[in-house]
Amino acid sequence: MLEEAERDFEKAKKLAAECNTSLTRILEDSLRLYLAEERARRHRSRRPPPLPILSHVKPVAGVDLDDTSALLELE
């Protein structure tokens, strides 16, 4: 495991030299990319909760569901 980490570190140093940038910049950019991909993966895997299904409920008489200000007055 340590040898693999050392190889990755050497690859990162080589990439920094090839890109004429610092190793710190390579590591920061890599971490930023990893975190963005992880956030996107978690966001894709989140499913919205199921909507409740009310089978025995009827609309209240006299309430216009298209009139949102009237709906707020019901509270």
PDB file of N, CA and C in Angstrom:
ATOM      1  N   MET A   1       0.826  -1.199   0.000  1.00  0.00           N
ATOM      2  CA  MET A   1       0.000   0.000   0.000  1.00  0.00           C
ATOM      3  C   MET A   1       0.867   1.258   0.000  1.00  0.00           C
ATOM      4  N   LEU A   2       1.913   1.243   0.799  1.00  0.00           N
ATOM      5  CA  LEU A   2       2.804   2.383   0.863  1.00  0.00           C
ATOM      6  C   LEU A   2       3.520   2.589  -0.470  1.00  0.00           C
ATOM      7  N   GLU A   3       3.918   1.479  -1.106  1.00  0.00           N
ATOM      8  CA  GLU A   3       4.592   1.581  -2.399  1.00  0.00           C
ATOM      9  C   GLU A   3       3.663   2.206  -3.438  1.00  0.00           C
ATOM     10  N   GLU A   4       2.390   1.846  -3.397  1.00  0.00           N
ATOM     11  CA  GLU A   4       1.413   2.426  -4.335  1.00  0.00           C
ATOM     12  C   GLU A   4       1.277   3.930  -4.091  1.00  0.00           C
ATOM     13  N   ALA A   5       1.232   4.336  -2.831  1.00  0.00           N
ATOM     14  CA  ALA A   5       1.130   5.756  -2.500  1.00  0.00           C
ATOM     15  C   ALA A   5       2.375   6.503  -2.975  1.00  0.00           C
ATOM     16  N   GLU A   6       3.537   5.882  -2.815  1.00  0.00           N
ATOM     17  CA  GLU A   6       4.775   6.503  -3.266  1.00  0.00           C
ATOM     18  C   GLU A   6       4.779   6.655  -4.791  1.00  0.00           C
ATOM     19  N   ARG A   7       4.280   5.632  -5.498  1.00  0.00           N
ATOM     20  CA  ARG A   7       4.202   5.722  -6.967  1.00  0.00           C
ATOM     21  C   ARG A   7       3.248   6.843  -7.386  1.00  0.00           C
ATOM     22  N   ASP A   8       2.108   6.943  -6.705  1.00  0.00           N
ATOM     23  CA  ASP A   8       1.158   8.008  -7.025  1.00  0.00           C
ATOM     24  C   ASP A   8       1.761   9.381  -6.765  1.00  0.00           C
ATOM     25  N   PHE A   9       2.532   9.494  -5.673  1.00  0.00           N
ATOM     26  CA  PHE A   9       3.188  10.755  -5.347  1.00  0.00           C
ATOM     27  C   PHE A   9       4.198  11.130  -6.422  1.00  0.00           C
ATOM     28  N   GLU A  10       4.959  10.162  -6.887  1.00  0.00           N
ATOM     29  CA  GLU A  10       5.933  10.409  -7.956  1.00  0.00           C
ATOM     30  C   GLU A  10       5.227  10.818  -9.253  1.00  0.00           C
ATOM     31  N   LYS A  11       4.094  10.176  -9.549  1.00  0.00           N
ATOM     32  CA  LYS A  11       3.325  10.545 -10.744  1.00  0.00           C
ATOM     33  C   LYS A  11       2.821  11.980 -10.633  1.00  0.00           C
ATOM     34  N   ALA A  12       2.380  12.357  -9.439  1.00  0.00           N
ATOM     35  CA  ALA A  12       1.879  13.716  -9.228  1.00  0.00           C
ATOM     36  C   ALA A  12       3.012  14.731  -9.392  1.00  0.00           C
ATOM     37  N   LYS A  13       4.192  14.416  -8.866  1.00  0.00           N
ATOM     38  CA  LYS A  13       5.338  15.319  -9.028  1.00  0.00           C
ATOM     39  C   LYS A  13       5.712  15.459 -10.502  1.00  0.00           C
ATOM     40  N   LYS A  14       5.686  14.346 -11.241  1.00  0.00           N
ATOM     41  CA  LYS A  14       6.009  14.375 -12.664  1.00  0.00           C
ATOM     42  C   LYS A  14       4.983  15.211 -13.428  1.00  0.00           C
ATOM     43  N   LEU A  15       3.689  15.034 -13.092  1.00  0.00           N
ATOM     44  CA  LEU A  15       2.634  15.807 -13.744  1.00  0.00           C
ATOM     45  C   LEU A  15       2.802  17.301 -13.466  1.00  0.00           C
ATOM     46  N   ALA A  16       3.140  17.639 -12.230  1.00  0.00           N
ATOM     47  CA  ALA A  16       3.352  19.044 -11.878  1.00  0.00           C
ATOM     48  C   ALA A  16       4.482  19.643 -12.717  1.00  0.00           C
ATOM     49  N   ALA A  17       5.552  18.890 -12.879  1.00  0.00           N
ATOM     50  CA  ALA A  17       6.678  19.379 -13.681  1.00  0.00           C
ATOM     51  C   ALA A  17       6.275  19.538 -15.143  1.00  0.00           C
ATOM     52  N   GLU A  18       5.526  18.555 -15.671  1.00  0.00           N
ATOM     53  CA  GLU A  18       5.088  18.617 -17.072  1.00  0.00           C
ATOM     54  C   GLU A  18       4.137  19.789 -17.319  1.00  0.00           C
ATOM     55  N   CYS A  19       3.324  20.098 -16.314  1.00  0.00           N
ATOM     56  CA  CYS A  19       2.343  21.185 -16.454  1.00  0.00           C
ATOM     57  C   CYS A  19       2.897  22.526 -15.995  1.00  0.00           C
ATOM     58  N   ASN A  20       4.163  22.525 -15.566  1.00  0.00           N
ATOM     59  CA  ASN A  20       4.818  23.749 -15.103  1.00  0.00           C
ATOM     60  C   ASN A  20       4.009  24.399 -13.980  1.00  0.00           C
ATOM     61  N   THR A  21       3.629  23.599 -13.020  1.00  0.00           N
ATOM     62  CA  THR A  21       2.874  24.089 -11.872  1.00  0.00           C
ATOM     63  C   THR A  21       3.408  23.410 -10.620  1.00  0.00           C
ATOM     64  N   SER A  22       2.886  23.801  -9.480  1.00  0.00           N
ATOM     65  CA  SER A  22       3.386  23.228  -8.225  1.00  0.00           C
ATOM     66  C   SER A  22       2.666  21.924  -7.891  1.00  0.00           C
ATOM     67  N   LEU A  23       3.337  21.108  -7.102  1.00  0.00           N
ATOM     68  CA  LEU A  23       2.730  19.878  -6.620  1.00  0.00           C
ATOM     69  C   LEU A  23       1.498  20.209  -5.770  1.00  0.00           C
ATOM     70  N   THR A  24       1.598  21.272  -4.995  1.00  0.00           N
ATOM     71  CA  THR A  24       0.456  21.697  -4.172  1.00  0.00           C
ATOM     72  C   THR A  24      -0.757  21.977  -5.041  1.00  0.00           C
ATOM     73  N   ARG A  25      -0.539  22.658  -6.158  1.00  0.00           N
ATOM     74  CA  ARG A  25      -1.651  22.972  -7.070  1.00  0.00           C
ATOM     75  C   ARG A  25      -2.275  21.694  -7.638  1.00  0.00           C
ATOM     76  N   ILE A  26      -1.438  20.734  -8.018  1.00  0.00           N
ATOM     77  CA  ILE A  26      -1.933  19.448  -8.532  1.00  0.00           C
ATOM     78  C   ILE A  26      -2.776  18.751  -7.471  1.00  0.00           C
ATOM     79  N   LEU A  27      -2.283  18.715  -6.237  1.00  0.00           N
ATOM     80  CA  LEU A  27      -3.008  18.038  -5.158  1.00  0.00           C
ATOM     81  C   LEU A  27      -4.311  18.760  -4.820  1.00  0.00           C
ATOM     82  N   GLU A  28      -4.285  20.093  -4.794  1.00  0.00           N
ATOM     83  CA  GLU A  28      -5.511  20.860  -4.526  1.00  0.00           C
ATOM     84  C   GLU A  28      -6.557  20.618  -5.611  1.00  0.00           C
ATOM     85  N   ASP A  29      -6.119  20.684  -6.870  1.00  0.00           N
ATOM     86  CA  ASP A  29      -7.047  20.462  -7.981  1.00  0.00           C
ATOM     87  C   ASP A  29      -7.611  19.042  -7.957  1.00  0.00           C
ATOM     88  N   SER A  30      -6.768  18.084  -7.623  1.00  0.00           N
ATOM     89  CA  SER A  30      -7.212  16.692  -7.550  1.00  0.00           C
ATOM     90  C   SER A  30      -8.251  16.512  -6.452  1.00  0.00           C
ATOM     91  N   LEU A  31      -8.001  17.099  -5.304  1.00  0.00           N
ATOM     92  CA  LEU A  31      -8.940  16.993  -4.195  1.00  0.00           C
ATOM     93  C   LEU A  31     -10.258  17.685  -4.538  1.00  0.00           C
ATOM     94  N   ARG A  32     -10.167  18.857  -5.159  1.00  0.00           N
ATOM     95  CA  ARG A  32     -11.367  19.598  -5.561  1.00  0.00           C
ATOM     96  C   ARG A  32     -12.211  18.770  -6.542  1.00  0.00           C
ATOM     97  N   LEU A  33     -11.558  18.153  -7.505  1.00  0.00           N
ATOM     98  CA  LEU A  33     -12.248  17.318  -8.486  1.00  0.00           C
ATOM     99  C   LEU A  33     -12.885  16.100  -7.816  1.00  0.00           C
ATOM    100  N   TYR A  34     -12.148  15.459  -6.928  1.00  0.00           N
ATOM    101  CA  TYR A  34     -12.681  14.293  -6.222  1.00  0.00           C
ATOM    102  C   TYR A  34     -13.920  14.663  -5.410  1.00  0.00           C
ATOM    103  N   LEU A  35     -13.847  15.762  -4.677  1.00  0.00           N
ATOM    104  CA  LEU A  35     -14.977  16.173  -3.844  1.00  0.00           C
ATOM    105  C   LEU A  35     -16.194  16.539  -4.690  1.00  0.00           C
ATOM    106  N   ALA A  36     -15.977  17.197  -5.819  1.00  0.00           N
ATOM    107  CA  ALA A  36     -17.099  17.547  -6.704  1.00  0.00           C
ATOM    108  C   ALA A  36     -17.749  16.287  -7.271  1.00  0.00           C
ATOM    109  N   GLU A  37     -16.941  15.316  -7.673  1.00  0.00           N
ATOM    110  CA  GLU A  37     -17.488  14.061  -8.201  1.00  0.00           C
ATOM    111  C   GLU A  37     -18.251  13.301  -7.121  1.00  0.00           C
ATOM    112  N   GLU A  38     -17.733  13.318  -5.903  1.00  0.00           N
ATOM    113  CA  GLU A  38     -18.399  12.628  -4.791  1.00  0.00           C
ATOM    114  C   GLU A  38     -19.746  13.283  -4.477  1.00  0.00           C
ATOM    115  N   ARG A  39     -19.775  14.619  -4.474  1.00  0.00           N
ATOM    116  CA  ARG A  39     -21.048  15.326  -4.246  1.00  0.00           C
ATOM    117  C   ARG A  39     -22.046  14.993  -5.336  1.00  0.00           C
ATOM    118  N   ALA A  40     -21.602  14.983  -6.581  1.00  0.00           N
ATOM    119  CA  ALA A  40     -22.490  14.679  -7.705  1.00  0.00           C
ATOM    120  C   ALA A  40     -22.996  13.241  -7.610  1.00  0.00           C
ATOM    121  N   ARG A  41     -22.129  12.312  -7.226  1.00  0.00           N
ATOM    122  CA  ARG A  41     -22.539  10.919  -7.091  1.00  0.00           C
ATOM    123  C   ARG A  41     -23.599  10.771  -6.006  1.00  0.00           C
ATOM    124  N   ARG A  42     -23.370  11.424  -4.869  1.00  0.00           N
ATOM    125  CA  ARG A  42     -24.345  11.339  -3.784  1.00  0.00           C
ATOM    126  C   ARG A  42     -25.666  11.990  -4.173  1.00  0.00           C
ATOM    127  N   HIS A  43     -25.576  13.098  -4.905  1.00  0.00           N
ATOM    128  CA  HIS A  43     -26.795  13.799  -5.335  1.00  0.00           C
ATOM    129  C   HIS A  43     -27.606  12.931  -6.293  1.00  0.00           C
ATOM    130  N   ARG A  44     -26.927  12.233  -7.206  1.00  0.00           N
ATOM    131  CA  ARG A  44     -27.620  11.356  -8.160  1.00  0.00           C
ATOM    132  C   ARG A  44     -28.279  10.182  -7.454  1.00  0.00           C
ATOM    133  N   SER A  45     -27.668   9.707  -6.378  1.00  0.00           N
ATOM    134  CA  SER A  45     -28.196   8.518  -5.715  1.00  0.00           C
ATOM    135  C   SER A  45     -29.353   8.848  -4.766  1.00  0.00           C
ATOM    136  N   ARG A  46     -29.529  10.128  -4.449  1.00  0.00           N
ATOM    137  CA  ARG A  46     -30.635  10.511  -3.573  1.00  0.00           C
ATOM    138  C   ARG A  46     -31.941  10.476  -4.331  1.00  0.00           C
ATOM    139  N   ARG A  47     -32.881   9.760  -3.807  1.00  0.00           N
ATOM    140  CA  ARG A  47     -34.203   9.724  -4.414  1.00  0.00           C
ATOM    141  C   ARG A  47     -35.139  10.582  -3.579  1.00  0.00           C
ATOM    142  N   PRO A  48     -36.036  11.283  -4.227  1.00  0.00           N
ATOM    143  CA  PRO A  48     -36.987  12.066  -3.446  1.00  0.00           C
ATOM    144  C   PRO A  48     -37.918  11.120  -2.684  1.00  0.00           C
ATOM    145  N   PRO A  49     -38.390  11.537  -1.528  1.00  0.00           N
ATOM    146  CA  PRO A  49     -39.291  10.666  -0.784  1.00  0.00           C
ATOM    147  C   PRO A  49     -40.595  10.459  -1.556  1.00  0.00           C
ATOM    148  N   PRO A  50     -41.220   9.333  -1.379  1.00  0.00           N
ATOM    149  CA  PRO A  50     -42.472   9.097  -2.101  1.00  0.00           C
ATOM    150  C   PRO A  50     -43.561  10.059  -1.629  1.00  0.00           C
ATOM    151  N   LEU A  51     -44.402  10.458  -2.538  1.00  0.00           N
ATOM    152  CA  LEU A  51     -45.505  11.345  -2.185  1.00  0.00           C
ATOM    153  C   LEU A  51     -46.593  10.530  -1.493  1.00  0.00           C
ATOM    154  N   PRO A  52     -47.213  11.125  -0.473  1.00  0.00           N
ATOM    155  CA  PRO A  52     -48.279  10.385   0.201  1.00  0.00           C
ATOM    156  C   PRO A  52     -49.505  10.252  -0.708  1.00  0.00           C
ATOM    157  N   ILE A  53     -50.164   9.137  -0.587  1.00  0.00           N
ATOM    158  CA  ILE A  53     -51.392   8.905  -1.352  1.00  0.00           C
ATOM    159  C   ILE A  53     -52.544   8.856  -0.356  1.00  0.00           C
ATOM    160  N   LEU A  54     -53.418   9.822  -0.467  1.00  0.00           N
ATOM    161  CA  LEU A  54     -54.561   9.911   0.428  1.00  0.00           C
ATOM    162  C   LEU A  54     -55.784   9.425  -0.334  1.00  0.00           C
ATOM    163  N   SER A  55     -56.282   8.275   0.056  1.00  0.00           N
ATOM    164  CA  SER A  55     -57.367   7.673  -0.725  1.00  0.00           C
ATOM    165  C   SER A  55     -58.764   8.078  -0.242  1.00  0.00           C
ATOM    166  N   HIS A  56     -58.904   8.438   1.025  1.00  0.00           N
ATOM    167  CA  HIS A  56     -60.241   8.722   1.551  1.00  0.00           C
ATOM    168  C   HIS A  56     -60.441  10.200   1.877  1.00  0.00           C
ATOM    169  N   VAL A  57     -59.697  11.068   1.240  1.00  0.00           N
ATOM    170  CA  VAL A  57     -59.795  12.499   1.509  1.00  0.00           C
ATOM    171  C   VAL A  57     -60.432  13.176   0.309  1.00  0.00           C
ATOM    172  N   LYS A  58     -61.360  14.085   0.593  1.00  0.00           N
ATOM    173  CA  LYS A  58     -62.039  14.821  -0.476  1.00  0.00           C
ATOM    174  C   LYS A  58     -61.723  16.304  -0.328  1.00  0.00           C
ATOM    175  N   PRO A  59     -61.737  17.045  -1.427  1.00  0.00           N
ATOM    176  CA  PRO A  59     -61.496  18.486  -1.327  1.00  0.00           C
ATOM    177  C   PRO A  59     -62.541  19.155  -0.441  1.00  0.00           C
ATOM    178  N   VAL A  60     -62.138  20.220   0.225  1.00  0.00           N
ATOM    179  CA  VAL A  60     -63.041  20.989   1.079  1.00  0.00           C
ATOM    180  C   VAL A  60     -63.910  21.859   0.184  1.00  0.00           C
ATOM    181  N   ALA A  61     -65.186  21.837   0.421  1.00  0.00           N
ATOM    182  CA  ALA A  61     -66.128  22.629  -0.376  1.00  0.00           C
ATOM    183  C   ALA A  61     -65.823  24.118  -0.228  1.00  0.00           C
ATOM    184  N   GLY A  62     -65.881  24.826  -1.324  1.00  0.00           N
ATOM    185  CA  GLY A  62     -65.676  26.273  -1.307  1.00  0.00           C
ATOM    186  C   GLY A  62     -64.225  26.706  -1.369  1.00  0.00           C
ATOM    187  N   VAL A  63     -63.282  25.782  -1.412  1.00  0.00           N
ATOM    188  CA  VAL A  63     -61.864  26.143  -1.480  1.00  0.00           C
ATOM    189  C   VAL A  63     -61.408  26.046  -2.928  1.00  0.00           C
ATOM    190  N   ASP A  64     -60.887  27.174  -3.440  1.00  0.00           N
ATOM    191  CA  ASP A  64     -60.382  27.225  -4.808  1.00  0.00           C
ATOM    192  C   ASP A  64     -58.881  26.910  -4.758  1.00  0.00           C
ATOM    193  N   LEU A  65     -58.493  25.741  -5.205  1.00  0.00           N
ATOM    194  CA  LEU A  65     -57.094  25.327  -5.138  1.00  0.00           C
ATOM    195  C   LEU A  65     -56.184  26.159  -6.037  1.00  0.00           C
ATOM    196  N   ASP A  66     -56.765  26.888  -6.972  1.00  0.00           N
ATOM    197  CA  ASP A  66     -55.969  27.758  -7.850  1.00  0.00           C
ATOM    198  C   ASP A  66     -55.705  29.117  -7.216  1.00  0.00           C
ATOM    199  N   ASP A  67     -56.347  29.406  -6.100  1.00  0.00           N
ATOM    200  CA  ASP A  67     -56.183  30.692  -5.419  1.00  0.00           C
ATOM    201  C   ASP A  67     -55.268  30.478  -4.215  1.00  0.00           C
ATOM    202  N   THR A  68     -53.963  30.643  -4.406  1.00  0.00           N
ATOM    203  CA  THR A  68     -53.006  30.334  -3.344  1.00  0.00           C
ATOM    204  C   THR A  68     -53.161  31.239  -2.130  1.00  0.00           C
ATOM    205  N   SER A  69     -53.532  32.484  -2.315  1.00  0.00           N
ATOM    206  CA  SER A  69     -53.695  33.370  -1.155  1.00  0.00           C
ATOM    207  C   SER A  69     -54.844  32.887  -0.280  1.00  0.00           C
ATOM    208  N   ALA A  70     -55.886  32.339  -0.874  1.00  0.00           N
ATOM    209  CA  ALA A  70     -56.999  31.787  -0.072  1.00  0.00           C
ATOM    210  C   ALA A  70     -56.535  30.547   0.677  1.00  0.00           C
ATOM    211  N   LEU A  71     -55.673  29.752   0.080  1.00  0.00           N
ATOM    212  CA  LEU A  71     -55.152  28.567   0.760  1.00  0.00           C
ATOM    213  C   LEU A  71     -54.336  28.948   1.987  1.00  0.00           C
ATOM    214  N   LEU A  72     -53.582  30.037   1.890  1.00  0.00           N
ATOM    215  CA  LEU A  72     -52.780  30.478   3.039  1.00  0.00           C
ATOM    216  C   LEU A  72     -53.658  30.952   4.182  1.00  0.00           C
ATOM    217  N   GLU A  73     -54.829  31.448   3.885  1.00  0.00           N
ATOM    218  CA  GLU A  73     -55.740  31.920   4.924  1.00  0.00           C
ATOM    219  C   GLU A  73     -56.355  30.769   5.704  1.00  0.00           C
ATOM    220  N   LEU A  74     -56.298  29.554   5.218  1.00  0.00           N
ATOM    221  CA  LEU A  74     -56.875  28.405   5.899  1.00  0.00           C
ATOM    222  C   LEU A  74     -56.098  28.035   7.155  1.00  0.00           C
ATOM    223  N   GLU A  75     -54.848  28.445   7.258  1.00  0.00           N
ATOM    224  CA  GLU A  75     -54.017  28.058   8.410  1.00  0.00           C
ATOM    225  C   GLU A  75     -54.436  28.711   9.653  1.00  0.00           C
TER     226      GLU A  75
END
